[in-house]
Amino acid sequence: MPSVVGLLEQHELAARCRVDGLREEADRIQAELAVAELEWQGWVIARRRVDAVLAPDGGSTAGTQDVPDPLAAVGPSAPRDSAKPKSQVPVWREGLAWSAVSVDYQHILQALSDRDRLHQGPLTCQEMAVMFGLDAVPAKVEALRSKAKRLVARGWLAEPAPGRFMLAKAAAARGGGS
């Protein structure tokens, strides 16, 4: 008859082997994720550069110090009188322009509008952080999540699955209220 200590050691060894295997798999997935995120960032940069080249001024950088961030130019609905940072997000209604919300919220709306236009589906906050060139650290991701949840509560966005955001049908139908 095997000893109790011997049986416990066998179970401990099996559990340790399982943990080691899962750690190796997690490391492999993390490495694969890092490569995929780098590729994605490359495409985001390429799209920004094409946007800059196709801008009305032809992408000319003469007389300027740097190329403006295309996410900061939120289309024709971002006039100089856009909402100030930290201002309250209004409830979406027919004809309300994106300029009613601050620039941070406009970036989210523009990113999701682009996804909607290209029929690419919802985005997670981590994907948005990477798209905006932010570090995908919990603090940045949670700040985006808070903003996205506020836009959902006010009718600008929809959350079809937990943590995945897209333009609300009414806002998408109007082209962002612009």
N, C-alpha and C. Protein backbone atom coordinates (compact mmCIF):
# COMPACT_ATOMS: atom_id res chain seq x y z
N MET A 1 0.84 -1.17 0.00
CA MET A 1 0.00 0.00 0.00
C MET A 1 0.90 1.25 0.00
N PRO A 2 0.62 2.19 -0.94
CA PRO A 2 1.46 3.39 -1.01
C PRO A 2 1.22 4.28 0.21
N SER A 3 2.24 5.04 0.54
CA SER A 3 2.13 5.93 1.70
C SER A 3 1.37 7.20 1.33
N VAL A 4 0.78 7.81 2.32
CA VAL A 4 0.04 9.06 2.11
C VAL A 4 1.00 10.15 1.62
N VAL A 5 2.17 10.22 2.19
CA VAL A 5 3.16 11.22 1.79
C VAL A 5 3.57 10.98 0.34
N GLY A 6 3.75 9.74 -0.04
CA GLY A 6 4.10 9.42 -1.42
C GLY A 6 3.01 9.85 -2.39
N LEU A 7 1.74 9.62 -2.05
CA LEU A 7 0.61 10.05 -2.88
C LEU A 7 0.56 11.58 -2.99
N LEU A 8 0.77 12.27 -1.87
CA LEU A 8 0.78 13.73 -1.89
C LEU A 8 1.89 14.26 -2.78
N GLU A 9 3.05 13.62 -2.73
CA GLU A 9 4.17 14.04 -3.58
C GLU A 9 3.85 13.84 -5.05
N GLN A 10 3.16 12.75 -5.39
CA GLN A 10 2.77 12.50 -6.78
C GLN A 10 1.80 13.59 -7.26
N HIS A 11 0.82 13.92 -6.43
CA HIS A 11 -0.15 14.96 -6.81
C HIS A 11 0.54 16.32 -6.92
N GLU A 12 1.47 16.59 -6.01
CA GLU A 12 2.20 17.85 -6.06
C GLU A 12 3.02 17.94 -7.34
N LEU A 13 3.69 16.85 -7.71
CA LEU A 13 4.50 16.82 -8.92
C LEU A 13 3.63 17.01 -10.16
N ALA A 14 2.48 16.37 -10.20
CA ALA A 14 1.57 16.51 -11.35
C ALA A 14 1.07 17.95 -11.47
N ALA A 15 0.72 18.55 -10.33
CA ALA A 15 0.23 19.93 -10.34
C ALA A 15 1.35 20.88 -10.77
N ARG A 16 2.56 20.67 -10.29
CA ARG A 16 3.68 21.52 -10.67
C ARG A 16 3.97 21.40 -12.16
N CYS A 17 3.91 20.17 -12.69
CA CYS A 17 4.12 19.97 -14.14
C CYS A 17 3.06 20.71 -14.94
N ARG A 18 1.81 20.67 -14.48
CA ARG A 18 0.72 21.37 -15.17
C ARG A 18 0.97 22.88 -15.14
N VAL A 19 1.35 23.41 -13.97
CA VAL A 19 1.63 24.84 -13.85
C VAL A 19 2.78 25.24 -14.77
N ASP A 20 3.84 24.44 -14.80
CA ASP A 20 4.98 24.74 -15.68
C ASP A 20 4.55 24.76 -17.15
N GLY A 21 3.73 23.78 -17.53
CA GLY A 21 3.24 23.72 -18.91
C GLY A 21 2.39 24.93 -19.26
N LEU A 22 1.51 25.32 -18.34
CA LEU A 22 0.67 26.49 -18.58
C LEU A 22 1.49 27.78 -18.63
N ARG A 23 2.52 27.88 -17.80
CA ARG A 23 3.39 29.06 -17.85
C ARG A 23 4.11 29.15 -19.19
N GLU A 24 4.59 28.02 -19.70
CA GLU A 24 5.25 28.01 -21.00
C GLU A 24 4.28 28.44 -22.10
N GLU A 25 3.06 27.94 -22.03
CA GLU A 25 2.05 28.30 -23.02
C GLU A 25 1.71 29.79 -22.91
N ALA A 26 1.59 30.30 -21.69
CA ALA A 26 1.30 31.72 -21.49
C ALA A 26 2.44 32.58 -22.03
N ASP A 27 3.68 32.18 -21.80
CA ASP A 27 4.83 32.92 -22.33
C ASP A 27 4.81 32.93 -23.85
N ARG A 28 4.48 31.78 -24.44
CA ARG A 28 4.41 31.70 -25.90
C ARG A 28 3.31 32.63 -26.43
N ILE A 29 2.17 32.62 -25.78
CA ILE A 29 1.05 33.46 -26.22
C ILE A 29 1.40 34.94 -26.04
N GLN A 30 2.05 35.29 -24.93
CA GLN A 30 2.46 36.68 -24.70
C GLN A 30 3.41 37.15 -25.80
N ALA A 31 4.36 36.29 -26.16
CA ALA A 31 5.30 36.65 -27.22
C ALA A 31 4.57 36.82 -28.55
N GLU A 32 3.65 35.94 -28.83
CA GLU A 32 2.87 36.02 -30.07
C GLU A 32 2.02 37.29 -30.08
N LEU A 33 1.43 37.61 -28.93
CA LEU A 33 0.63 38.82 -28.80
C LEU A 33 1.49 40.06 -29.04
N ALA A 34 2.68 40.10 -28.49
CA ALA A 34 3.57 41.25 -28.68
C ALA A 34 3.90 41.45 -30.16
N VAL A 35 4.16 40.36 -30.87
CA VAL A 35 4.45 40.45 -32.31
C VAL A 35 3.23 40.97 -33.06
N ALA A 36 2.05 40.44 -32.72
CA ALA A 36 0.81 40.87 -33.39
C ALA A 36 0.53 42.34 -33.11
N GLU A 37 0.76 42.80 -31.88
CA GLU A 37 0.53 44.21 -31.56
C GLU A 37 1.49 45.12 -32.31
N LEU A 38 2.75 44.68 -32.46
CA LEU A 38 3.70 45.48 -33.24
C LEU A 38 3.26 45.59 -34.69
N GLU A 39 2.78 44.49 -35.26
CA GLU A 39 2.30 44.52 -36.63
C GLU A 39 1.11 45.46 -36.75
N TRP A 40 0.19 45.38 -35.79
CA TRP A 40 -0.99 46.24 -35.79
C TRP A 40 -0.58 47.71 -35.70
N GLN A 41 0.37 48.02 -34.81
CA GLN A 41 0.83 49.40 -34.68
C GLN A 41 1.45 49.89 -35.99
N GLY A 42 2.13 49.01 -36.68
CA GLY A 42 2.70 49.37 -37.98
C GLY A 42 1.62 49.79 -38.96
N TRP A 43 0.52 49.05 -38.98
CA TRP A 43 -0.60 49.39 -39.87
C TRP A 43 -1.26 50.69 -39.45
N VAL A 44 -1.36 50.93 -38.15
CA VAL A 44 -1.95 52.17 -37.66
C VAL A 44 -1.09 53.35 -38.11
N ILE A 45 0.23 53.20 -37.97
CA ILE A 45 1.14 54.26 -38.40
C ILE A 45 1.03 54.48 -39.90
N ALA A 46 0.94 53.40 -40.66
CA ALA A 46 0.81 53.53 -42.12
C ALA A 46 -0.47 54.28 -42.48
N ARG A 47 -1.58 53.96 -41.79
CA ARG A 47 -2.84 54.63 -42.08
C ARG A 47 -2.74 56.11 -41.72
N ARG A 48 -2.07 56.43 -40.60
CA ARG A 48 -1.91 57.84 -40.21
C ARG A 48 -1.11 58.60 -41.26
N ARG A 49 -0.07 57.95 -41.77
CA ARG A 49 0.76 58.62 -42.77
C ARG A 49 -0.02 58.83 -44.06
N VAL A 50 -0.80 57.85 -44.46
CA VAL A 50 -1.62 58.01 -45.67
C VAL A 50 -2.65 59.12 -45.44
N ASP A 51 -3.26 59.15 -44.26
CA ASP A 51 -4.20 60.23 -43.94
C ASP A 51 -3.52 61.59 -44.04
N ALA A 52 -2.28 61.67 -43.54
CA ALA A 52 -1.55 62.95 -43.59
C ALA A 52 -1.25 63.34 -45.03
N VAL A 53 -0.88 62.36 -45.85
CA VAL A 53 -0.56 62.65 -47.25
C VAL A 53 -1.81 63.06 -48.01
N LEU A 54 -2.94 62.45 -47.69
CA LEU A 54 -4.18 62.74 -48.40
C LEU A 54 -4.95 63.92 -47.80
N ALA A 55 -4.38 64.56 -46.79
CA ALA A 55 -5.03 65.71 -46.16
C ALA A 55 -5.19 66.82 -47.19
N PRO A 56 -6.14 67.74 -46.96
CA PRO A 56 -6.39 68.81 -47.93
C PRO A 56 -5.15 69.60 -48.31
N ASP A 57 -4.19 69.75 -47.40
CA ASP A 57 -2.99 70.50 -47.73
C ASP A 57 -1.95 69.63 -48.43
N GLY A 58 -2.34 68.40 -48.78
CA GLY A 58 -1.45 67.50 -49.51
C GLY A 58 -0.35 66.90 -48.66
N GLY A 59 -0.48 66.99 -47.35
CA GLY A 59 0.53 66.42 -46.47
C GLY A 59 1.76 67.28 -46.37
N SER A 60 1.67 68.53 -46.88
CA SER A 60 2.82 69.42 -46.85
C SER A 60 3.19 69.75 -45.42
N THR A 61 4.47 69.62 -45.11
CA THR A 61 4.95 69.95 -43.77
C THR A 61 5.76 71.24 -43.80
N ALA A 62 5.73 71.95 -44.91
CA ALA A 62 6.46 73.20 -45.01
C ALA A 62 5.88 74.20 -44.02
N GLY A 63 6.73 74.76 -43.21
CA GLY A 63 6.29 75.76 -42.24
C GLY A 63 5.71 75.17 -40.97
N THR A 64 5.72 73.86 -40.87
CA THR A 64 5.23 73.24 -39.63
C THR A 64 6.34 72.41 -39.03
N GLN A 65 6.22 72.17 -37.74
CA GLN A 65 7.26 71.42 -37.05
C GLN A 65 7.02 69.92 -37.12
N ASP A 66 5.75 69.50 -37.04
CA ASP A 66 5.45 68.08 -37.12
C ASP A 66 4.09 67.87 -37.76
N VAL A 67 3.86 66.65 -38.21
CA VAL A 67 2.59 66.31 -38.84
C VAL A 67 1.55 66.15 -37.75
N PRO A 68 0.39 66.78 -37.89
CA PRO A 68 -0.63 66.64 -36.86
C PRO A 68 -1.12 65.20 -36.75
N ASP A 69 -1.50 64.81 -35.54
CA ASP A 69 -2.04 63.49 -35.29
C ASP A 69 -3.39 63.38 -35.97
N PRO A 70 -3.60 62.44 -36.91
CA PRO A 70 -4.89 62.35 -37.60
C PRO A 70 -6.03 62.06 -36.65
N LEU A 71 -5.76 61.46 -35.49
CA LEU A 71 -6.84 61.22 -34.54
C LEU A 71 -7.31 62.51 -33.90
N ALA A 72 -6.47 63.54 -33.91
CA ALA A 72 -6.87 64.82 -33.34
C ALA A 72 -7.80 65.56 -34.29
N ALA A 73 -7.71 65.28 -35.58
CA ALA A 73 -8.60 65.89 -36.55
C ALA A 73 -9.80 64.98 -36.71
N VAL A 74 -10.85 65.29 -36.01
CA VAL A 74 -12.00 64.39 -35.96
C VAL A 74 -13.01 64.80 -37.02
N GLY A 75 -12.52 65.01 -38.20
CA GLY A 75 -13.41 65.28 -39.32
C GLY A 75 -14.00 66.67 -39.25
N PRO A 76 -15.00 66.91 -40.07
CA PRO A 76 -15.58 68.24 -40.19
C PRO A 76 -16.35 68.66 -38.95
N SER A 77 -16.63 67.74 -38.03
CA SER A 77 -17.43 68.10 -36.86
C SER A 77 -16.57 68.52 -35.68
N ALA A 78 -15.31 68.85 -35.91
CA ALA A 78 -14.44 69.25 -34.81
C ALA A 78 -14.01 70.71 -34.96
N PRO A 79 -14.94 71.62 -34.82
CA PRO A 79 -14.58 73.03 -34.97
C PRO A 79 -13.77 73.51 -33.78
N ARG A 80 -13.30 74.75 -33.88
CA ARG A 80 -12.47 75.31 -32.83
C ARG A 80 -13.21 75.42 -31.50
N ASP A 81 -14.53 75.42 -31.52
CA ASP A 81 -15.29 75.60 -30.28
C ASP A 81 -15.73 74.26 -29.68
N SER A 82 -14.89 73.24 -29.83
CA SER A 82 -15.26 71.94 -29.26
C SER A 82 -15.26 72.01 -27.74
N ALA A 83 -15.91 71.03 -27.14
CA ALA A 83 -16.05 71.01 -25.68
C ALA A 83 -14.69 70.98 -25.01
N LYS A 84 -14.62 71.58 -23.86
CA LYS A 84 -13.38 71.61 -23.09
C LYS A 84 -13.18 70.29 -22.37
N PRO A 85 -11.91 69.90 -22.10
CA PRO A 85 -11.67 68.70 -21.33
C PRO A 85 -12.38 68.79 -19.98
N LYS A 86 -12.78 67.63 -19.46
CA LYS A 86 -13.46 67.51 -18.16
C LYS A 86 -14.89 68.00 -18.20
N SER A 87 -15.40 68.39 -19.39
CA SER A 87 -16.79 68.82 -19.46
C SER A 87 -17.70 67.60 -19.48
N GLN A 88 -18.95 67.81 -19.14
CA GLN A 88 -19.90 66.71 -19.05
C GLN A 88 -20.27 66.22 -20.44
N VAL A 89 -20.45 64.91 -20.58
CA VAL A 89 -20.84 64.33 -21.87
C VAL A 89 -22.36 64.43 -21.98
N PRO A 90 -22.85 65.13 -23.02
CA PRO A 90 -24.31 65.25 -23.16
C PRO A 90 -24.92 63.94 -23.67
N VAL A 91 -26.19 63.78 -23.42
CA VAL A 91 -26.92 62.63 -23.96
C VAL A 91 -27.04 62.83 -25.46
N TRP A 92 -26.78 61.75 -26.22
CA TRP A 92 -26.84 61.86 -27.68
C TRP A 92 -28.26 62.15 -28.12
N ARG A 93 -28.39 63.02 -29.10
CA ARG A 93 -29.69 63.30 -29.71
C ARG A 93 -29.45 63.63 -31.18
N GLU A 94 -30.47 63.51 -31.96
CA GLU A 94 -30.40 63.76 -33.39
C GLU A 94 -29.79 65.13 -33.67
N GLY A 95 -28.77 65.18 -34.52
CA GLY A 95 -28.16 66.43 -34.93
C GLY A 95 -27.07 66.95 -34.02
N LEU A 96 -26.81 66.28 -32.91
CA LEU A 96 -25.77 66.73 -31.99
C LEU A 96 -24.40 66.36 -32.57
N ALA A 97 -23.54 67.37 -32.73
CA ALA A 97 -22.22 67.16 -33.34
C ALA A 97 -21.24 66.61 -32.33
N TRP A 98 -20.19 65.95 -32.83
CA TRP A 98 -19.15 65.41 -31.97
C TRP A 98 -18.45 66.51 -31.17
N SER A 99 -18.51 67.74 -31.68
CA SER A 99 -17.85 68.83 -30.98
C SER A 99 -18.48 69.11 -29.62
N ALA A 100 -19.62 68.48 -29.34
CA ALA A 100 -20.27 68.64 -28.03
C ALA A 100 -19.51 67.90 -26.94
N VAL A 101 -18.62 67.00 -27.32
CA VAL A 101 -17.83 66.25 -26.34
C VAL A 101 -16.37 66.66 -26.48
N SER A 102 -15.59 66.43 -25.43
CA SER A 102 -14.18 66.83 -25.46
C SER A 102 -13.39 65.98 -26.46
N VAL A 103 -12.19 66.42 -26.75
CA VAL A 103 -11.35 65.79 -27.76
C VAL A 103 -11.08 64.32 -27.44
N ASP A 104 -10.87 63.99 -26.17
CA ASP A 104 -10.63 62.58 -25.80
C ASP A 104 -11.79 61.70 -26.25
N TYR A 105 -13.00 62.17 -26.03
CA TYR A 105 -14.18 61.40 -26.43
C TYR A 105 -14.31 61.38 -27.95
N GLN A 106 -13.93 62.48 -28.60
CA GLN A 106 -13.98 62.54 -30.06
C GLN A 106 -13.04 61.51 -30.67
N HIS A 107 -11.87 61.29 -30.04
CA HIS A 107 -10.93 60.28 -30.53
C HIS A 107 -11.58 58.90 -30.51
N ILE A 108 -12.27 58.60 -29.42
CA ILE A 108 -12.95 57.31 -29.31
C ILE A 108 -14.03 57.19 -30.38
N LEU A 109 -14.83 58.24 -30.54
CA LEU A 109 -15.89 58.22 -31.55
C LEU A 109 -15.33 58.05 -32.95
N GLN A 110 -14.22 58.75 -33.24
CA GLN A 110 -13.61 58.64 -34.58
C GLN A 110 -13.09 57.24 -34.83
N ALA A 111 -12.42 56.66 -33.85
CA ALA A 111 -11.87 55.31 -34.02
C ALA A 111 -13.00 54.32 -34.28
N LEU A 112 -14.08 54.43 -33.53
CA LEU A 112 -15.19 53.50 -33.70
C LEU A 112 -15.97 53.80 -34.97
N SER A 113 -16.00 55.06 -35.39
CA SER A 113 -16.62 55.42 -36.65
C SER A 113 -15.86 54.79 -37.83
N ASP A 114 -14.52 54.85 -37.75
CA ASP A 114 -13.70 54.24 -38.79
C ASP A 114 -13.96 52.73 -38.85
N ARG A 115 -14.03 52.10 -37.68
CA ARG A 115 -14.30 50.65 -37.61
C ARG A 115 -15.66 50.35 -38.23
N ASP A 116 -16.66 51.18 -37.91
CA ASP A 116 -18.01 50.97 -38.44
C ASP A 116 -18.01 51.14 -39.96
N ARG A 117 -17.33 52.18 -40.43
CA ARG A 117 -17.28 52.45 -41.86
C ARG A 117 -16.63 51.29 -42.62
N LEU A 118 -15.63 50.66 -42.01
CA LEU A 118 -14.91 49.55 -42.63
C LEU A 118 -15.52 48.19 -42.29
N HIS A 119 -16.65 48.20 -41.57
CA HIS A 119 -17.35 46.97 -41.15
C HIS A 119 -16.41 46.04 -40.39
N GLN A 120 -15.66 46.59 -39.43
CA GLN A 120 -14.69 45.80 -38.69
C GLN A 120 -15.15 45.39 -37.30
N GLY A 121 -16.29 45.85 -36.85
CA GLY A 121 -16.81 45.42 -35.57
C GLY A 121 -16.27 46.19 -34.39
N PRO A 122 -16.67 45.78 -33.19
CA PRO A 122 -16.34 46.51 -31.96
C PRO A 122 -14.85 46.44 -31.60
N LEU A 123 -14.47 47.35 -30.71
CA LEU A 123 -13.09 47.42 -30.20
C LEU A 123 -13.10 47.28 -28.69
N THR A 124 -12.01 46.71 -28.16
CA THR A 124 -11.83 46.71 -26.71
C THR A 124 -11.04 47.97 -26.34
N CYS A 125 -11.04 48.31 -25.08
CA CYS A 125 -10.30 49.49 -24.64
C CYS A 125 -8.79 49.30 -24.78
N GLN A 126 -8.34 48.06 -24.62
CA GLN A 126 -6.91 47.79 -24.82
C GLN A 126 -6.53 48.03 -26.28
N GLU A 127 -7.39 47.61 -27.21
CA GLU A 127 -7.12 47.84 -28.63
C GLU A 127 -7.13 49.34 -28.93
N MET A 128 -8.05 50.08 -28.31
CA MET A 128 -8.09 51.53 -28.51
C MET A 128 -6.81 52.17 -27.99
N ALA A 129 -6.34 51.74 -26.82
CA ALA A 129 -5.13 52.32 -26.25
C ALA A 129 -3.96 52.15 -27.22
N VAL A 130 -3.81 50.97 -27.77
CA VAL A 130 -2.73 50.72 -28.72
C VAL A 130 -2.92 51.57 -29.97
N MET A 131 -4.17 51.65 -30.44
CA MET A 131 -4.47 52.43 -31.63
C MET A 131 -4.12 53.91 -31.44
N PHE A 132 -4.34 54.42 -30.22
CA PHE A 132 -4.06 55.82 -29.92
C PHE A 132 -2.60 56.06 -29.58
N GLY A 133 -1.78 55.00 -29.61
CA GLY A 133 -0.37 55.15 -29.32
C GLY A 133 -0.07 55.22 -27.83
N LEU A 134 -1.01 54.79 -27.00
CA LEU A 134 -0.80 54.77 -25.56
C LEU A 134 -0.22 53.43 -25.15
N ASP A 135 0.46 53.41 -24.02
CA ASP A 135 0.89 52.14 -23.46
C ASP A 135 -0.36 51.43 -22.96
N ALA A 136 -0.46 50.14 -23.26
CA ALA A 136 -1.64 49.38 -22.86
C ALA A 136 -1.51 48.91 -21.42
N VAL A 137 -1.23 49.86 -20.54
CA VAL A 137 -1.12 49.55 -19.11
C VAL A 137 -2.49 49.73 -18.47
N PRO A 138 -2.74 49.06 -17.36
CA PRO A 138 -4.07 49.11 -16.75
C PRO A 138 -4.60 50.53 -16.53
N ALA A 139 -3.79 51.46 -16.11
CA ALA A 139 -4.28 52.81 -15.84
C ALA A 139 -4.83 53.47 -17.11
N LYS A 140 -4.12 53.34 -18.22
CA LYS A 140 -4.57 53.94 -19.48
C LYS A 140 -5.81 53.23 -20.02
N VAL A 141 -5.79 51.90 -19.94
CA VAL A 141 -6.93 51.11 -20.45
C VAL A 141 -8.18 51.41 -19.63
N GLU A 142 -8.04 51.50 -18.31
CA GLU A 142 -9.19 51.78 -17.45
C GLU A 142 -9.72 53.20 -17.67
N ALA A 143 -8.84 54.15 -17.96
CA ALA A 143 -9.29 55.51 -18.27
C ALA A 143 -10.13 55.50 -19.54
N LEU A 144 -9.68 54.76 -20.55
CA LEU A 144 -10.46 54.64 -21.79
C LEU A 144 -11.78 53.92 -21.53
N ARG A 145 -11.74 52.88 -20.70
CA ARG A 145 -12.96 52.13 -20.39
C ARG A 145 -13.99 53.04 -19.71
N SER A 146 -13.52 53.88 -18.81
CA SER A 146 -14.41 54.81 -18.12
C SER A 146 -15.08 55.75 -19.12
N LYS A 147 -14.29 56.28 -20.04
CA LYS A 147 -14.84 57.18 -21.06
C LYS A 147 -15.82 56.44 -21.97
N ALA A 148 -15.46 55.24 -22.39
CA ALA A 148 -16.33 54.47 -23.27
C ALA A 148 -17.65 54.13 -22.56
N LYS A 149 -17.57 53.74 -21.29
CA LYS A 149 -18.78 53.43 -20.53
C LYS A 149 -19.67 54.67 -20.40
N ARG A 150 -19.05 55.83 -20.21
CA ARG A 150 -19.82 57.08 -20.12
C ARG A 150 -20.51 57.36 -21.45
N LEU A 151 -19.81 57.13 -22.57
CA LEU A 151 -20.43 57.32 -23.89
C LEU A 151 -21.57 56.33 -24.12
N VAL A 152 -21.44 55.10 -23.59
CA VAL A 152 -22.52 54.12 -23.68
C VAL A 152 -23.73 54.62 -22.89
N ALA A 153 -23.48 55.08 -21.68
CA ALA A 153 -24.57 55.55 -20.81
C ALA A 153 -25.30 56.75 -21.42
N ARG A 154 -24.59 57.55 -22.23
CA ARG A 154 -25.21 58.74 -22.82
C ARG A 154 -25.74 58.50 -24.24
N GLY A 155 -25.63 57.24 -24.73
CA GLY A 155 -26.23 56.90 -26.02
C GLY A 155 -25.35 57.08 -27.23
N TRP A 156 -24.09 57.46 -27.05
CA TRP A 156 -23.19 57.64 -28.19
C TRP A 156 -22.64 56.29 -28.68
N LEU A 157 -22.37 55.39 -27.75
CA LEU A 157 -21.80 54.08 -28.08
C LEU A 157 -22.72 52.97 -27.62
N ALA A 158 -22.45 51.78 -28.14
CA ALA A 158 -23.13 50.55 -27.70
C ALA A 158 -22.05 49.58 -27.23
N GLU A 159 -22.44 48.70 -26.32
CA GLU A 159 -21.53 47.67 -25.81
C GLU A 159 -22.18 46.31 -26.08
N PRO A 160 -22.00 45.77 -27.31
CA PRO A 160 -22.69 44.53 -27.67
C PRO A 160 -22.24 43.32 -26.85
N ALA A 161 -21.02 43.34 -26.38
CA ALA A 161 -20.48 42.28 -25.51
C ALA A 161 -19.68 43.00 -24.43
N PRO A 162 -19.57 42.42 -23.26
CA PRO A 162 -18.83 43.09 -22.19
C PRO A 162 -17.41 43.48 -22.62
N GLY A 163 -17.11 44.77 -22.47
CA GLY A 163 -15.77 45.25 -22.78
C GLY A 163 -15.51 45.53 -24.25
N ARG A 164 -16.51 45.38 -25.11
CA ARG A 164 -16.35 45.63 -26.54
C ARG A 164 -17.30 46.75 -26.93
N PHE A 165 -16.76 47.78 -27.58
CA PHE A 165 -17.54 48.99 -27.84
C PHE A 165 -17.64 49.28 -29.34
N MET A 166 -18.77 49.85 -29.73
CA MET A 166 -19.00 50.27 -31.11
C MET A 166 -19.93 51.48 -31.09
N LEU A 167 -20.03 52.19 -32.21
CA LEU A 167 -20.96 53.31 -32.29
C LEU A 167 -22.38 52.79 -32.10
N ALA A 168 -23.20 53.56 -31.41
CA ALA A 168 -24.61 53.22 -31.29
C ALA A 168 -25.24 53.32 -32.67
N LYS A 169 -26.25 52.52 -32.94
CA LYS A 169 -26.87 52.49 -34.27
C LYS A 169 -27.34 53.88 -34.71
N ALA A 170 -27.97 54.64 -33.81
CA ALA A 170 -28.46 55.97 -34.18
C ALA A 170 -27.30 56.91 -34.50
N ALA A 171 -26.24 56.86 -33.71
CA ALA A 171 -25.08 57.73 -33.94
C ALA A 171 -24.37 57.33 -35.23
N ALA A 172 -24.29 56.04 -35.50
CA ALA A 172 -23.63 55.56 -36.72
C ALA A 172 -24.45 55.94 -37.95
N ALA A 173 -25.77 55.87 -37.84
CA ALA A 173 -26.64 56.20 -38.98
C ALA A 173 -26.50 57.66 -39.37
N ARG A 174 -26.25 58.53 -38.40
CA ARG A 174 -26.11 59.96 -38.67
C ARG A 174 -24.69 60.35 -39.02
N GLY A 175 -23.76 59.38 -39.01
CA GLY A 175 -22.37 59.73 -39.30
C GLY A 175 -21.75 60.51 -38.16
N GLY A 176 -22.13 60.16 -36.95
CA GLY A 176 -21.53 60.82 -35.79
C GLY A 176 -22.15 62.14 -35.45
N GLY A 177 -23.29 62.45 -36.05
CA GLY A 177 -23.94 63.70 -35.72
C GLY A 177 -23.28 64.90 -36.37
N SER A 178 -22.41 64.65 -37.34
CA SER A 178 -21.73 65.76 -37.99
C SER A 178 -22.53 66.29 -39.14
